[in-house]
Amino acid sequence: MSSVILLQTDARAAERLRTVIAGAPELRVVAAVSSIAQARQLLEQDTPDLLLSDLRMRDGPLTSLLADLRDSSGHEQRPRVMAAAISFADRRLMEALRRGCDGYFIKDCGGEALLSTIKLVLAGESVMAPEIARKVRSHFCSSAWSNTDYVAETQNPLRLTDHERLILDLIDDGRSAQDIAKAMRTSPRDVGLRIRTIYRKLQLDLSAETLSLAA
């Protein structure tokens, strides 16, 4: 059974999430808190499998907690994190994905869609909407890349592969994971894993940028 912590400013929203998650026997809400400070206290005691969080709490943004998780030892030991956004237009959503979120959900989505997304994220996959795909593609297209003597550009972990660019294009066209899998002659799971890799590259890009500034 996978453990879930809710980090929500609105008690009613937290209760709605708890009710939806109760419909999945393989998921269990172990705590619901309303501040970053409370979340930090819980994470010091134990590591849940998943954290469902608002983009901003009363005492700070989700990105401050993501920074703690990114700096902690053992990346694989940290919980997976999904951000709850009111809409794709919220600029904080893209920032949260850059800072370490594994996925997201829109607050007015249905319970079935939410559970499906949670299960994908726990399985190591991610989802991406056309609105997010456009922003991600724009980010990588606008980044200034330089050749390196150590890694061929086609193998550079900070660059998108041709397949990853194709996935972004197909998502932008409104294609589902199933449709993309058929077009690429692969499985929907492989598409979900590749989307997660794209998010990871966003986060690796941020780490490289930080190191560059520190140097």
Foldseek 3Di string as FASTA:
>chain_A
DFEEEEAAQDPVLVVVLQVLQVVPPVYHYPYYHQDPVVVVVVVVVAATQEYEHEQAGPVGGPLVVLVVQVPDPDVVRHHAYEYEAQDLPPPSRLVVLLSHHQEYDYSPDDSVVVVVQVVLSSVQFYDDALSRLVVLVVVQVPDDDDQDPPDGPCPPLLHDHPLLNVLSVCRNVVDDLCRSCVVVVHHSSVSRNSVSSSSVSSNVVVVVVVVVVVD
